[in-house]
N, C-alpha and C. Protein backbone atom coordinates (compact mmCIF):
# COMPACT_ATOMS: atom_id res chain seq x y z
N MET A 1 0.69 -1.33 0.09
CA MET A 1 0.19 0.03 0.15
C MET A 1 1.00 1.19 -0.03
N GLN A 2 0.42 2.09 -0.75
CA GLN A 2 1.29 3.29 -0.97
C GLN A 2 0.32 4.46 -0.23
N ILE A 3 1.17 5.49 0.53
CA ILE A 3 0.47 6.48 1.30
C ILE A 3 0.28 7.74 0.23
N ASP A 4 -0.81 8.16 0.35
CA ASP A 4 -1.11 9.31 -0.87
C ASP A 4 -0.13 10.58 -0.23
N LYS A 5 0.57 11.26 -1.08
CA LYS A 5 0.95 12.19 -0.57
C LYS A 5 0.56 13.37 -1.09
N SER A 6 -0.66 13.70 -0.83
CA SER A 6 -1.21 15.08 -1.39
C SER A 6 -0.89 16.28 -0.96
N PRO A 7 -0.96 17.38 -1.60
CA PRO A 7 -0.30 18.52 -1.08
C PRO A 7 -0.98 18.92 0.11
N LYS A 8 -2.28 18.39 0.44
CA LYS A 8 -3.04 18.96 1.69
C LYS A 8 -2.38 18.22 2.68
N MET A 9 -1.99 17.17 2.65
CA MET A 9 -1.45 16.06 3.71
C MET A 9 -0.03 16.67 4.11
N GLN A 10 0.65 16.99 2.86
CA GLN A 10 2.05 17.56 3.24
C GLN A 10 2.01 18.75 3.81
N ARG A 11 1.02 19.75 3.58
CA ARG A 11 0.78 21.05 4.15
C ARG A 11 0.59 20.63 5.74
N TRP A 12 -0.49 19.69 6.06
CA TRP A 12 -0.67 19.42 7.54
C TRP A 12 0.65 18.92 8.21
N PHE A 13 1.29 18.01 7.61
CA PHE A 13 2.45 17.46 7.95
C PHE A 13 3.71 18.46 8.34
N ALA A 14 3.59 19.59 7.42
CA ALA A 14 4.70 20.52 7.39
C ALA A 14 4.07 21.52 8.52
N ILE A 15 2.78 21.99 8.81
CA ILE A 15 2.36 22.71 9.95
C ILE A 15 2.79 21.86 11.28
N GLY A 16 2.57 20.47 11.35
CA GLY A 16 2.72 19.82 12.36
C GLY A 16 4.30 20.04 12.92
N LEU A 17 5.26 19.72 11.79
CA LEU A 17 6.54 19.83 12.13
C LEU A 17 6.95 21.23 12.63
N LEU A 18 6.50 22.25 11.99
CA LEU A 18 6.68 23.57 12.29
C LEU A 18 6.09 23.80 13.92
N MET A 19 4.77 23.22 14.35
CA MET A 19 4.47 23.50 15.53
C MET A 19 5.38 22.78 16.65
N THR A 20 5.68 21.60 16.31
CA THR A 20 6.74 20.66 16.97
C THR A 20 7.90 21.41 17.18
N LEU A 21 8.51 21.99 16.21
CA LEU A 21 9.85 22.71 16.20
C LEU A 21 9.67 24.05 17.24
N ILE A 22 8.26 24.89 16.97
CA ILE A 22 8.15 26.04 17.89
C ILE A 22 7.85 25.41 19.10
N LEU A 23 7.32 24.64 19.56
CA LEU A 23 7.25 24.11 20.98
C LEU A 23 8.29 23.57 21.65
N MET A 24 9.36 22.89 20.91
CA MET A 24 10.58 22.46 21.16
C MET A 24 11.56 23.65 21.70
N LEU A 25 11.43 24.80 20.65
CA LEU A 25 12.06 26.13 20.86
C LEU A 25 11.62 26.75 22.18
N CYS A 26 10.29 26.62 22.35
CA CYS A 26 9.70 27.27 23.70
C CYS A 26 10.27 26.65 24.71
N LEU A 27 10.24 25.35 24.93
CA LEU A 27 10.69 24.61 25.90
C LEU A 27 12.24 24.60 26.03
N ILE A 28 13.08 24.88 25.23
CA ILE A 28 14.40 24.96 24.96
C ILE A 28 14.86 26.51 25.62
N LEU A 29 14.36 27.42 25.10
CA LEU A 29 14.54 28.79 25.19
C LEU A 29 13.87 29.58 26.18
N ILE A 30 12.46 29.36 26.06
CA ILE A 30 11.78 30.33 26.85
C ILE A 30 11.47 29.98 28.09
N VAL A 31 11.02 28.77 28.30
CA VAL A 31 10.82 28.16 29.66
C VAL A 31 12.11 28.62 30.58
N PRO A 32 13.37 28.22 30.25
CA PRO A 32 14.18 28.67 31.18
C PRO A 32 14.69 30.28 31.32
N LEU A 33 14.07 30.81 30.42
CA LEU A 33 14.12 32.54 30.58
C LEU A 33 13.24 33.16 31.46
N LEU A 34 11.78 32.38 31.36
CA LEU A 34 10.97 32.47 32.33
C LEU A 34 11.22 32.26 33.78
N SER A 35 11.82 30.87 33.95
CA SER A 35 12.24 30.73 35.09
C SER A 35 13.46 31.39 35.97
N LYS A 36 14.27 31.62 35.00
CA LYS A 36 15.41 32.64 35.50
C LYS A 36 14.70 34.01 35.77
N SER A 37 13.90 34.47 35.13
CA SER A 37 13.07 35.95 35.45
C SER A 37 12.31 35.58 36.80
N TYR A 38 11.61 34.77 37.09
CA TYR A 38 10.82 34.22 38.24
C TYR A 38 12.04 34.41 39.59
N ASP A 39 12.96 33.53 39.40
CA ASP A 39 14.12 33.68 40.35
C ASP A 39 14.52 34.91 40.72
N LEU A 40 15.08 35.67 39.60
CA LEU A 40 15.73 37.04 39.88
C LEU A 40 14.53 38.01 40.51
N ASN A 41 13.07 37.90 40.05
CA ASN A 41 12.17 38.80 40.67
C ASN A 41 12.21 38.32 41.93
N LYS A 42 12.02 37.06 42.47
CA LYS A 42 12.05 36.62 43.83
C LYS A 42 13.24 37.21 44.62
N SER A 43 14.50 37.27 44.20
CA SER A 43 15.58 37.42 44.86
C SER A 43 15.48 39.11 45.06
N LYS A 44 15.01 39.80 43.91
CA LYS A 44 14.76 41.18 44.22
C LYS A 44 13.80 41.41 45.23
N SER A 45 12.85 40.80 45.39
CA SER A 45 11.79 41.02 46.47
C SER A 45 12.39 40.76 47.85
N ASP A 46 13.17 39.83 47.87
CA ASP A 46 13.77 39.48 49.13
C ASP A 46 14.91 40.58 49.46
N LEU A 47 15.53 41.04 48.58
CA LEU A 47 16.57 42.11 48.73
C LEU A 47 15.92 43.23 48.99
N LEU A 48 14.66 43.72 48.65
CA LEU A 48 14.19 44.99 48.68
C LEU A 48 13.41 44.61 50.32
N PHE A 49 13.04 43.57 50.70
CA PHE A 49 12.38 43.48 51.91
C PHE A 49 13.72 43.72 53.05
N LYS A 50 14.87 43.22 52.70
CA LYS A 50 16.02 43.28 53.61
C LYS A 50 16.57 44.86 53.63
N LEU A 51 16.40 45.40 52.62
CA LEU A 51 16.71 46.97 52.40
C LEU A 51 15.82 47.68 53.52
N GLN A 52 14.39 47.47 53.28
CA GLN A 52 13.35 48.01 53.93
C GLN A 52 13.80 47.79 55.70
N GLN A 53 14.29 46.59 55.97
CA GLN A 53 14.51 46.29 57.26
C GLN A 53 15.69 47.28 57.77
N TYR A 54 16.71 47.26 57.21
CA TYR A 54 17.81 47.90 57.22
C TYR A 54 17.47 49.51 57.56
N GLU A 55 16.70 49.88 56.69
CA GLU A 55 16.38 51.27 56.58
C GLU A 55 15.50 51.65 57.93
N ARG A 56 14.79 50.62 58.33
CA ARG A 56 14.01 50.80 59.89
C ARG A 56 14.98 50.83 60.86
N VAL A 57 15.85 50.03 61.00
CA VAL A 57 17.10 49.94 62.00
C VAL A 57 17.91 51.11 61.94
N LEU A 58 18.22 51.58 60.78
CA LEU A 58 19.02 53.05 60.78
C LEU A 58 18.45 54.28 61.30
N ALA A 59 16.85 54.09 60.87
CA ALA A 59 16.04 55.10 61.29
C ALA A 59 16.06 55.17 62.80
N THR A 60 16.28 54.37 63.69
CA THR A 60 16.49 54.16 64.91
C THR A 60 17.69 54.43 65.66
N LYS A 61 18.70 54.67 64.74
CA LYS A 61 20.01 54.95 65.15
C LYS A 61 20.14 55.99 66.28
N ASN A 62 19.59 56.90 65.88
CA ASN A 62 19.77 58.16 66.77
C ASN A 62 19.18 57.91 67.86
N THR A 63 18.10 57.33 67.93
CA THR A 63 17.45 56.91 69.34
C THR A 63 18.22 56.22 70.11
N VAL A 64 18.96 55.14 69.60
CA VAL A 64 19.78 54.03 70.39
C VAL A 64 20.97 54.84 70.73
N VAL A 65 21.49 55.89 70.07
CA VAL A 65 22.90 56.38 70.56
C VAL A 65 22.54 57.29 71.43
N ALA A 66 21.33 58.12 71.58
CA ALA A 66 20.83 58.97 72.59
C ALA A 66 20.57 58.30 73.82
N SER A 67 20.00 56.76 73.74
CA SER A 67 19.56 55.98 74.93
C SER A 67 21.19 55.51 75.59
N MET A 68 22.09 55.22 74.64
CA MET A 68 23.37 54.68 75.19
C MET A 68 23.77 55.74 76.06
N ALA A 69 23.91 57.03 75.53
CA ALA A 69 24.41 58.19 76.15
C ALA A 69 23.88 58.42 77.53
N LYS A 70 22.49 58.36 77.59
CA LYS A 70 21.74 58.55 78.73
C LYS A 70 22.05 57.46 79.84
N ILE A 71 22.19 56.25 79.28
CA ILE A 71 22.49 55.11 80.12
C ILE A 71 23.99 55.27 80.75
N LYS A 72 24.79 55.75 79.96
CA LYS A 72 26.30 56.05 80.37
C LYS A 72 26.32 57.12 81.30
N GLU A 73 25.48 58.20 81.20
CA GLU A 73 25.42 59.13 82.16
C GLU A 73 24.71 58.67 83.22
N GLN A 74 23.83 58.03 83.53
CA GLN A 74 23.42 57.54 84.53
C GLN A 74 24.01 56.42 85.31
N GLN A 75 24.95 55.56 84.70
CA GLN A 75 26.11 54.96 85.32
C GLN A 75 26.89 55.55 85.84
N ASP A 76 27.37 56.87 85.16
CA ASP A 76 28.34 57.72 85.81
C ASP A 76 27.72 58.34 87.36
N GLN A 77 26.67 58.46 87.28
CA GLN A 77 25.89 59.31 88.40
C GLN A 77 25.61 58.23 89.60
N GLN A 78 25.43 57.15 88.94
CA GLN A 78 25.23 56.14 90.13
C GLN A 78 26.81 55.88 90.75
N SER A 79 27.74 56.08 90.24
CA SER A 79 29.09 55.70 90.76
C SER A 79 29.40 54.28 91.29
N TYR A 80 28.99 53.54 90.27
CA TYR A 80 29.39 51.85 90.52
C TYR A 80 30.91 51.84 90.63
N PHE A 81 31.68 52.65 89.69
CA PHE A 81 33.06 52.33 89.75
C PHE A 81 33.85 53.25 90.76
N ASN A 82 34.98 52.79 91.08
CA ASN A 82 35.94 53.72 91.88
C ASN A 82 36.53 54.76 91.13
N SER A 83 36.47 55.93 91.68
CA SER A 83 36.99 57.05 90.83
C SER A 83 38.29 57.67 91.15
N GLN A 84 39.26 56.73 91.59
CA GLN A 84 40.66 57.06 92.14
C GLN A 84 41.52 57.06 90.69
N GLU A 85 42.51 57.55 90.79
CA GLU A 85 43.31 57.71 89.47
C GLU A 85 44.32 56.61 89.29
N THR A 86 44.51 55.78 90.22
CA THR A 86 45.42 54.77 90.20
C THR A 86 44.94 53.53 90.85
N ASP A 87 45.25 52.37 90.59
CA ASP A 87 45.01 51.24 91.36
C ASP A 87 45.22 51.19 92.68
N ALA A 88 46.45 51.92 92.98
CA ALA A 88 47.02 51.68 94.28
C ALA A 88 46.25 52.43 95.15
N LEU A 89 45.87 53.79 94.68
CA LEU A 89 44.75 54.83 95.61
C LEU A 89 43.77 54.20 95.70
N ALA A 90 43.04 53.42 94.62
CA ALA A 90 41.65 52.84 94.81
C ALA A 90 41.95 51.90 96.05
N SER A 91 42.68 50.90 95.88
CA SER A 91 43.02 50.00 96.75
C SER A 91 43.26 50.55 98.26
N ALA A 92 44.18 51.68 98.45
CA ALA A 92 44.23 52.24 99.76
C ALA A 92 42.86 52.81 100.27
N GLU A 93 42.03 53.45 99.27
CA GLU A 93 40.91 53.82 99.91
C GLU A 93 39.91 52.92 100.28
N MET A 94 39.79 51.76 99.61
CA MET A 94 39.22 50.65 100.16
C MET A 94 39.53 49.91 101.37
N GLN A 95 40.78 50.01 101.51
CA GLN A 95 41.47 49.38 102.88
C GLN A 95 40.87 50.24 104.02
N ALA A 96 41.06 51.73 103.73
CA ALA A 96 40.73 52.54 104.74
C ALA A 96 39.16 52.65 105.24
N PHE A 97 38.44 52.40 104.03
CA PHE A 97 36.96 52.19 104.02
C PHE A 97 36.58 51.07 104.99
N ILE A 98 37.17 50.11 104.87
CA ILE A 98 37.04 48.55 105.20
C ILE A 98 37.24 48.89 106.99
N LYS A 99 38.49 49.27 107.40
CA LYS A 99 38.99 49.48 108.65
C LYS A 99 38.10 50.22 109.33
N LYS A 100 37.55 51.58 108.65
CA LYS A 100 36.66 52.40 109.45
C LYS A 100 35.36 51.43 109.70
N THR A 101 34.68 50.68 108.72
CA THR A 101 33.56 49.93 108.78
C THR A 101 33.50 48.96 109.64
N ILE A 102 34.77 48.25 109.74
CA ILE A 102 34.90 47.16 111.07
C ILE A 102 34.91 47.81 112.31
N VAL A 103 35.82 48.69 112.45
CA VAL A 103 35.97 49.51 113.88
C VAL A 103 34.46 49.91 114.26
N ASP A 104 33.90 50.97 113.35
CA ASP A 104 32.71 51.39 113.60
C ASP A 104 31.29 50.23 114.19
N ALA A 105 31.57 49.01 113.50
CA ALA A 105 30.54 48.01 113.80
C ALA A 105 31.00 47.35 114.98
N GLY A 106 32.20 47.51 115.64
CA GLY A 106 32.53 46.87 116.92
C GLY A 106 33.37 45.94 116.86
N GLY A 107 33.77 45.49 115.54
CA GLY A 107 34.60 44.34 114.99
C GLY A 107 36.17 44.62 115.37
N GLN A 108 37.17 43.66 115.19
CA GLN A 108 38.50 43.88 115.44
C GLN A 108 39.17 43.53 114.01
N LEU A 109 39.77 44.62 113.44
CA LEU A 109 40.39 44.05 112.06
C LEU A 109 41.70 43.60 112.40
N THR A 110 41.93 42.29 111.82
CA THR A 110 43.30 41.71 112.12
C THR A 110 44.27 42.19 110.73
N SER A 111 43.73 42.04 109.84
CA SER A 111 44.63 42.37 108.45
C SER A 111 43.86 42.71 107.34
N THR A 112 44.68 43.56 106.52
CA THR A 112 44.26 43.76 104.97
C THR A 112 45.24 43.62 104.14
N GLN A 113 44.91 43.13 103.05
CA GLN A 113 45.96 42.86 102.08
C GLN A 113 45.45 42.89 100.74
N ALA A 114 46.26 44.00 100.00
CA ALA A 114 45.86 44.37 98.60
C ALA A 114 46.17 43.17 97.51
N LEU A 115 45.46 42.62 97.00
CA LEU A 115 45.77 41.61 96.06
C LEU A 115 46.00 42.21 94.66
N PRO A 116 46.83 41.47 93.69
CA PRO A 116 47.28 41.77 92.56
C PRO A 116 45.92 42.37 91.62
N VAL A 117 45.87 43.52 90.90
CA VAL A 117 44.92 44.03 90.20
C VAL A 117 44.64 43.24 88.77
N ASN A 118 43.50 42.80 88.83
CA ASN A 118 43.30 42.15 87.40
C ASN A 118 42.67 43.05 86.31
N ASN A 119 43.54 43.12 85.29
CA ASN A 119 42.71 44.14 84.11
C ASN A 119 42.14 43.36 82.90
N LYS A 120 41.05 43.65 82.81
CA LYS A 120 40.34 42.99 82.00
C LYS A 120 39.42 43.90 81.19
N ASN A 121 39.97 43.88 79.73
CA ASN A 121 38.83 45.06 78.73
C ASN A 121 39.15 46.39 79.02
N LYS A 122 38.38 47.15 79.50
CA LYS A 122 38.45 48.52 79.87
C LYS A 122 38.43 48.77 81.57
N PHE A 123 38.44 47.42 82.21
CA PHE A 123 38.09 47.76 83.72
C PHE A 123 39.42 47.06 84.49
N SER A 124 39.59 47.49 85.50
CA SER A 124 40.46 47.06 86.68
C SER A 124 39.66 46.43 87.63
N LYS A 125 39.81 45.27 88.07
CA LYS A 125 39.36 44.67 89.18
C LYS A 125 40.07 44.77 90.38
N ILE A 126 39.88 45.40 91.48
CA ILE A 126 40.82 45.93 92.66
C ILE A 126 40.09 44.89 93.71
N THR A 127 41.11 43.99 94.52
CA THR A 127 40.73 43.00 95.36
C THR A 127 41.37 43.38 96.68
N VAL A 128 40.77 43.24 97.60
CA VAL A 128 41.35 43.38 99.04
C VAL A 128 40.98 42.28 99.89
N LYS A 129 41.91 41.50 100.45
CA LYS A 129 42.01 40.40 101.51
C LYS A 129 41.74 40.97 102.55
N VAL A 130 40.68 40.81 103.44
CA VAL A 130 40.26 41.08 104.84
C VAL A 130 40.28 39.95 105.81
N ARG A 131 40.96 40.22 107.18
CA ARG A 131 40.61 39.27 108.15
C ARG A 131 40.12 40.20 109.37
N MET A 132 39.38 39.64 109.85
CA MET A 132 38.64 40.40 111.24
C MET A 132 38.06 39.46 112.25
N ASN A 133 37.74 39.88 113.33
CA ASN A 133 37.32 39.02 114.37
C ASN A 133 36.03 39.88 115.00
N GLY A 134 35.07 39.17 115.13
CA GLY A 134 33.78 39.88 115.95
C GLY A 134 32.63 38.73 116.00
N THR A 135 31.66 39.33 116.49
CA THR A 135 30.43 38.58 116.60
C THR A 135 29.52 38.48 115.15
N SER A 136 28.63 37.75 115.22
CA SER A 136 27.66 37.57 114.08
C SER A 136 27.06 39.07 113.78
N GLU A 137 26.63 39.53 115.01
CA GLU A 137 26.02 41.01 114.57
C GLU A 137 27.18 41.99 113.90
N ASN A 138 28.47 41.98 114.53
CA ASN A 138 29.41 42.88 113.97
C ASN A 138 29.68 42.56 112.45
N LEU A 139 29.84 41.20 112.21
CA LEU A 139 29.75 40.64 110.77
C LEU A 139 28.69 41.28 109.90
N ARG A 140 27.38 41.02 110.46
CA ARG A 140 26.29 41.42 109.72
C ARG A 140 26.37 43.10 109.39
N THR A 141 26.63 43.63 110.42
CA THR A 141 26.67 45.32 110.12
C THR A 141 27.90 45.63 109.20
N VAL A 142 28.99 44.86 109.04
CA VAL A 142 30.20 45.10 108.28
C VAL A 142 29.70 44.79 106.82
N LEU A 143 29.22 43.57 106.54
CA LEU A 143 28.80 43.09 105.51
C LEU A 143 27.63 44.12 104.80
N TYR A 144 26.75 44.68 105.75
CA TYR A 144 25.71 45.51 105.19
C TYR A 144 26.27 47.04 104.52
N ASN A 145 27.07 47.43 105.43
CA ASN A 145 27.90 48.69 105.13
C ASN A 145 28.77 48.59 103.80
N ILE A 146 29.44 47.39 103.80
CA ILE A 146 30.29 47.31 102.67
C ILE A 146 29.35 47.16 101.23
N GLU A 147 28.53 46.28 101.39
CA GLU A 147 27.55 46.07 100.17
C GLU A 147 26.75 47.25 99.68
N THR A 148 26.43 48.17 100.71
CA THR A 148 25.57 49.23 100.15
C THR A 148 26.52 50.52 100.33
N SER A 149 27.43 50.45 100.18
CA SER A 149 28.48 51.55 99.72
C SER A 149 28.60 52.10 98.60
N SER A 150 29.23 53.15 98.34
CA SER A 150 29.32 53.74 96.96
C SER A 150 30.84 54.18 96.95
N PRO A 151 31.63 53.75 95.86
CA PRO A 151 31.29 52.94 94.69
C PRO A 151 31.08 51.64 95.38
N LEU A 152 30.41 50.89 94.36
CA LEU A 152 29.98 49.52 94.54
C LEU A 152 31.30 48.54 95.01
N LEU A 153 31.01 47.85 96.23
CA LEU A 153 31.95 47.05 96.61
C LEU A 153 31.29 45.69 96.88
N ILE A 154 32.20 44.22 96.31
CA ILE A 154 31.36 43.14 96.30
C ILE A 154 32.20 42.44 97.28
N ILE A 155 31.33 41.72 98.35
CA ILE A 155 32.10 40.59 98.99
C ILE A 155 32.28 39.44 98.24
N ASP A 156 33.34 38.94 98.43
CA ASP A 156 33.75 37.49 97.67
C ASP A 156 34.39 36.50 98.73
N GLN A 157 34.33 35.37 98.41
CA GLN A 157 35.09 34.24 99.21
C GLN A 157 35.12 34.41 100.68
N ILE A 158 33.98 34.32 101.14
CA ILE A 158 33.85 34.53 102.47
C ILE A 158 33.95 33.32 103.35
N ASP A 159 34.80 33.36 104.52
CA ASP A 159 35.02 32.29 105.26
C ASP A 159 34.68 32.46 106.93
N ILE A 160 33.93 31.78 107.41
CA ILE A 160 33.58 32.31 108.80
C ILE A 160 33.79 30.87 109.66
N ARG A 161 34.75 31.27 110.59
CA ARG A 161 34.81 30.12 111.64
C ARG A 161 34.76 30.61 113.03
N PRO A 162 34.20 29.81 114.03
CA PRO A 162 33.79 30.30 115.08
C PRO A 162 35.33 30.25 116.01
N ILE A 163 35.54 31.08 116.92
CA ILE A 163 36.85 30.98 117.79
C ILE A 163 36.39 30.29 118.95
N ARG A 164 37.28 29.42 119.13
CA ARG A 164 37.20 28.56 120.42
C ARG A 164 37.28 29.33 121.64
N GLY A 165 36.15 29.05 122.49
CA GLY A 165 36.36 29.63 123.84
C GLY A 165 37.37 29.46 124.70
N THR A 166 37.58 29.97 125.87
CA THR A 166 38.89 29.73 126.82
C THR A 166 38.26 28.79 127.79
N MET A 167 39.43 28.08 128.46
CA MET A 167 39.32 27.25 129.50
C MET A 167 38.80 27.90 130.90
N ASN A 168 37.58 27.53 131.60
CA ASN A 168 37.41 27.96 132.90
C ASN A 168 38.24 27.30 133.86
N ASN A 169 39.09 27.87 134.74
CA ASN A 169 39.99 27.18 135.60
C ASN A 169 39.09 26.58 136.91
N VAL A 170 37.88 27.28 136.90
CA VAL A 170 37.22 26.73 138.18
C VAL A 170 36.33 25.40 137.62
N THR A 171 35.58 25.53 136.69
CA THR A 171 34.87 24.45 136.18
C THR A 171 35.44 23.38 135.12
N ARG A 172 36.76 23.98 134.74
CA ARG A 172 37.47 22.94 133.92
C ARG A 172 36.67 22.71 132.46
N GLN A 173 35.87 23.62 132.16
CA GLN A 173 35.15 23.51 131.02
C GLN A 173 35.47 24.60 130.01
N ILE A 174 35.17 24.33 128.80
CA ILE A 174 35.36 25.62 127.85
C ILE A 174 34.10 26.63 127.97
N ASP A 175 34.50 27.84 128.17
CA ASP A 175 33.43 28.82 128.11
C ASP A 175 33.21 29.19 126.68
N ALA A 176 31.87 29.08 126.31
CA ALA A 176 31.58 29.23 125.13
C ALA A 176 31.31 30.99 124.74
N ASN A 177 31.77 31.43 123.64
CA ASN A 177 31.42 32.61 123.13
C ASN A 177 31.08 32.93 121.69
N ASN A 178 30.78 34.03 121.42
CA ASN A 178 30.27 34.46 120.17
C ASN A 178 31.04 34.77 119.21
N ASN A 179 32.07 34.77 119.36
CA ASN A 179 33.22 35.32 118.49
C ASN A 179 33.68 34.48 117.26
N LEU A 180 33.92 35.14 116.13
CA LEU A 180 34.24 34.57 115.00
C LEU A 180 35.44 35.00 114.28
N ASN A 181 35.97 34.30 113.75
CA ASN A 181 37.24 34.46 112.93
C ASN A 181 36.56 34.55 111.49
N ILE A 182 36.74 35.59 110.79
CA ILE A 182 36.15 35.96 109.43
C ILE A 182 37.05 36.38 108.53
N ASN A 183 37.41 35.61 107.26
CA ASN A 183 38.26 36.00 106.09
C ASN A 183 37.13 36.19 105.07
N PHE A 184 37.49 37.21 104.24
CA PHE A 184 36.77 37.59 103.03
C PHE A 184 37.79 38.60 102.16
N GLN A 185 36.80 38.66 100.85
CA GLN A 185 37.70 39.53 99.96
C GLN A 185 36.66 40.60 99.46
N VAL A 186 37.02 41.83 99.35
CA VAL A 186 36.32 42.97 98.79
C VAL A 186 36.71 43.14 97.57
N VAL A 187 35.69 43.38 96.56
CA VAL A 187 36.02 43.63 95.15
C VAL A 187 35.63 44.98 94.73
N SER A 188 36.25 45.75 94.04
CA SER A 188 35.80 46.92 93.59
C SER A 188 36.19 47.12 92.02
N PHE A 189 35.59 47.73 91.15
CA PHE A 189 36.00 47.84 89.76
C PHE A 189 36.36 49.33 89.48
N MET A 190 37.27 49.50 88.59
CA MET A 190 37.73 50.91 88.21
C MET A 190 37.61 50.80 86.74
N ARG A 191 37.48 52.05 86.12
CA ARG A 191 37.65 51.92 84.77
C ARG A 191 39.25 52.45 84.34
N LYS A 192 39.84 51.79 83.38
CA LYS A 192 40.91 52.22 82.97
C LYS A 192 41.38 53.40 82.56
N GLN A 193 42.13 54.32 83.10
CA GLN A 193 42.41 55.61 82.70
C GLN A 193 43.04 55.69 81.23
N THR A 194 42.40 56.37 80.43
CA THR A 194 42.74 56.68 79.16
C THR A 194 44.22 57.27 78.97
N GLU A 195 45.11 56.52 78.21
CA GLU A 195 46.60 57.06 77.94
C GLU A 195 46.64 58.14 76.89
């Protein structure tokens, strides 16, 4: 059997081939272009959203800077930091304050010792080791006065031990007393002086 190749059939066949070729060109060229255009448009939208977020953050910059300045000013007014010019002066001031506090509370100062200064970032940590004797009431008063002082002082590494009573010669028993042997450290902070 022979297929009739009439001009009408050939025309439809040519049109079919042309449509197939156009469809293949669309799939090869136009679909990737549309896909790339969609990806670029999505990326543009994401970047635009981020830009708007950054603009909102930048708009609050002046408010944040003003708030930081206000906080720094309040911090300076509250005098949390020791205002002496050197670490040695700050340590001496702390020792004098501690001595006065212990004596005023009715305790007995055994010794104070300035420990080496620990420098970290923009601050110096000044530590004084303290030994004292006294009752629990004396200790309570001393700790309260130290922790409520200005500049801020912090109690660290406290060790409290009872002092053994004395032997009574008549009863041959140890008389109880309320005295304590107390060791602790007092810490203060100081801003490093700009050179």
